[in-house]
Amino acid sequence: MDCHDLIGCCVVDHHDWLLSDHVDLLPRLLLPLAGPEEFDDDDMEKLPVDLQYLPADKEREPDADIRRMLTEALNQVLNLAANFILFA
């Protein structure tokens, strides 16, 4: 899968399915972008389970192109979700 495949799958009209527990896309897109930041317990509980209490040696994806692709995909999914909420 390349950058265009990932972004393409995020612009379809099935964002509700993409963000559902069946696919769980959001944590999969965010995990490579997560680093070793520490959060207090209140903030930690707001994160998806897969992103809570990551090990102290967790590193972000080192490849800038992959990070860009992930943030573009996140942008697409979240924009679609926002439009769906606004115009539903």
C-alpha atoms as a PDB file:
ATOM      1  CA  MET A   1       0.000   0.000   0.000  1.00  0.00           C
ATOM      2  CA  ASP A   2       1.389   3.368  -0.917  1.00  0.00           C
ATOM      3  CA  CYS A   3       0.470   6.889   0.128  1.00  0.00           C
ATOM      4  CA  HIS A   4      -2.264   7.261  -2.493  1.00  0.00           C
ATOM      5  CA  ASP A   5      -3.910   3.946  -1.532  1.00  0.00           C
ATOM      6  CA  LEU A   6      -4.095   4.942   2.118  1.00  0.00           C
ATOM      7  CA  ILE A   7      -5.406   8.420   1.439  1.00  0.00           C
ATOM      8  CA  GLY A   8      -7.808   7.071  -1.179  1.00  0.00           C
ATOM      9  CA  CYS A   9      -9.362   4.651   1.287  1.00  0.00           C
ATOM     10  CA  CYS A  10      -9.884   7.547   3.684  1.00  0.00           C
ATOM     11  CA  VAL A  11     -11.870   9.701   1.270  1.00  0.00           C
ATOM     12  CA  VAL A  12     -14.626   7.202   0.599  1.00  0.00           C
ATOM     13  CA  ASP A  13     -18.085   7.850   2.000  1.00  0.00           C
ATOM     14  CA  HIS A  14     -17.724   5.143   4.625  1.00  0.00           C
ATOM     15  CA  HIS A  15     -15.966   7.197   7.289  1.00  0.00           C
ATOM     16  CA  ASP A  16     -18.458   6.023   9.927  1.00  0.00           C
ATOM     17  CA  TRP A  17     -17.367   2.449   9.182  1.00  0.00           C
ATOM     18  CA  LEU A  18     -13.675   3.414   9.055  1.00  0.00           C
ATOM     19  CA  LEU A  19     -13.920   4.991  12.511  1.00  0.00           C
ATOM     20  CA  SER A  20     -16.012   2.148  13.965  1.00  0.00           C
ATOM     21  CA  ASP A  21     -14.716  -0.509  16.346  1.00  0.00           C
ATOM     22  CA  HIS A  22     -14.780  -3.009  13.463  1.00  0.00           C
ATOM     23  CA  VAL A  23     -11.946  -1.245  11.662  1.00  0.00           C
ATOM     24  CA  ASP A  24     -10.498   0.881  14.474  1.00  0.00           C
ATOM     25  CA  LEU A  25      -8.657   3.044  11.955  1.00  0.00           C
ATOM     26  CA  LEU A  26      -7.938   6.028  14.180  1.00  0.00           C
ATOM     27  CA  PRO A  27      -5.551   4.246  16.588  1.00  0.00           C
ATOM     28  CA  ARG A  28      -3.856   2.515  13.652  1.00  0.00           C
ATOM     29  CA  LEU A  29      -3.133   5.868  12.030  1.00  0.00           C
ATOM     30  CA  LEU A  30      -2.094   7.546  15.279  1.00  0.00           C
ATOM     31  CA  LEU A  31       0.155   4.855  16.796  1.00  0.00           C
ATOM     32  CA  PRO A  32       3.114   5.407  14.427  1.00  0.00           C
ATOM     33  CA  LEU A  33       2.895   9.142  15.178  1.00  0.00           C
ATOM     34  CA  ALA A  34       2.931   8.632  18.953  1.00  0.00           C
ATOM     35  CA  GLY A  35       6.115   9.206  20.875  1.00  0.00           C
ATOM     36  CA  PRO A  36       7.231   8.801  24.473  1.00  0.00           C
ATOM     37  CA  GLU A  37       5.168  11.706  25.811  1.00  0.00           C
ATOM     38  CA  GLU A  38       3.751  11.308  29.285  1.00  0.00           C
ATOM     39  CA  PHE A  39       0.176  12.318  30.078  1.00  0.00           C
ATOM     40  CA  ASP A  40      -1.646  12.543  33.370  1.00  0.00           C
ATOM     41  CA  ASP A  41      -4.182   9.807  34.033  1.00  0.00           C
ATOM     42  CA  ASP A  42      -7.192  11.974  33.121  1.00  0.00           C
ATOM     43  CA  ASP A  43      -5.785  12.726  29.675  1.00  0.00           C
ATOM     44  CA  MET A  44      -4.541   9.160  29.226  1.00  0.00           C
ATOM     45  CA  GLU A  45      -8.049   7.786  29.746  1.00  0.00           C
ATOM     46  CA  LYS A  46      -9.324   9.958  26.877  1.00  0.00           C
ATOM     47  CA  LEU A  47      -7.006   8.258  24.385  1.00  0.00           C
ATOM     48  CA  PRO A  48      -7.955   5.094  22.491  1.00  0.00           C
ATOM     49  CA  VAL A  49      -6.888   2.015  24.468  1.00  0.00           C
ATOM     50  CA  ASP A  50      -4.136   1.150  21.969  1.00  0.00           C
ATOM     51  CA  LEU A  51      -2.512   4.529  22.620  1.00  0.00           C
ATOM     52  CA  GLN A  52      -2.641   4.475  26.415  1.00  0.00           C
ATOM     53  CA  TYR A  53       0.410   3.872  28.563  1.00  0.00           C
ATOM     54  CA  LEU A  54       2.884   3.320  25.750  1.00  0.00           C
ATOM     55  CA  PRO A  55       6.371   2.242  26.802  1.00  0.00           C
ATOM     56  CA  ALA A  56       8.920   4.951  27.578  1.00  0.00           C
ATOM     57  CA  ASP A  57      11.072   3.788  24.659  1.00  0.00           C
ATOM     58  CA  LYS A  58       8.245   4.192  22.088  1.00  0.00           C
ATOM     59  CA  GLU A  59       9.541   6.147  19.106  1.00  0.00           C
ATOM     60  CA  ARG A  60       7.702   7.967  16.360  1.00  0.00           C
ATOM     61  CA  GLU A  61       7.886   6.701  12.811  1.00  0.00           C
ATOM     62  CA  PRO A  62      11.306   7.937  11.636  1.00  0.00           C
ATOM     63  CA  ASP A  63      10.368   8.298   7.946  1.00  0.00           C
ATOM     64  CA  ALA A  64       9.040  11.804   7.278  1.00  0.00           C
ATOM     65  CA  ASP A  65       7.150  10.659   4.160  1.00  0.00           C
ATOM     66  CA  ILE A  66       5.248   8.042   6.134  1.00  0.00           C
ATOM     67  CA  ARG A  67       4.443  10.573   8.874  1.00  0.00           C
ATOM     68  CA  ARG A  68       3.145  12.965   6.199  1.00  0.00           C
ATOM     69  CA  MET A  69       1.042  10.209   4.626  1.00  0.00           C
ATOM     70  CA  LEU A  70      -0.459   9.327   8.018  1.00  0.00           C
ATOM     71  CA  THR A  71      -1.304  12.936   8.849  1.00  0.00           C
ATOM     72  CA  GLU A  72      -2.875  13.433   5.403  1.00  0.00           C
ATOM     73  CA  ALA A  73      -4.979  10.299   5.915  1.00  0.00           C
ATOM     74  CA  LEU A  74      -6.032  11.519   9.367  1.00  0.00           C
ATOM     75  CA  ASN A  75      -6.973  14.874   7.877  1.00  0.00           C
ATOM     76  CA  GLN A  76      -9.163  13.206   5.249  1.00  0.00           C
ATOM     77  CA  VAL A  77     -10.948  10.949   7.733  1.00  0.00           C
ATOM     78  CA  LEU A  78     -11.556  13.709  10.260  1.00  0.00           C
ATOM     79  CA  ASN A  79     -12.749  16.182   7.613  1.00  0.00           C
ATOM     80  CA  LEU A  80     -15.216  13.626   6.290  1.00  0.00           C
ATOM     81  CA  ALA A  81     -16.422  12.854   9.800  1.00  0.00           C
ATOM     82  CA  ALA A  82     -16.870  16.569  10.549  1.00  0.00           C
ATOM     83  CA  ASN A  83     -18.819  17.090   7.306  1.00  0.00           C
ATOM     84  CA  PHE A  84     -20.996  14.094   8.079  1.00  0.00           C
ATOM     85  CA  ILE A  85     -21.838  15.526  11.515  1.00  0.00           C
ATOM     86  CA  LEU A  86     -22.481  19.021  10.142  1.00  0.00           C
ATOM     87  CA  PHE A  87     -24.663  17.949   7.239  1.00  0.00           C
ATOM     88  CA  ALA A  88     -26.400  14.897   8.710  1.00  0.00           C
END
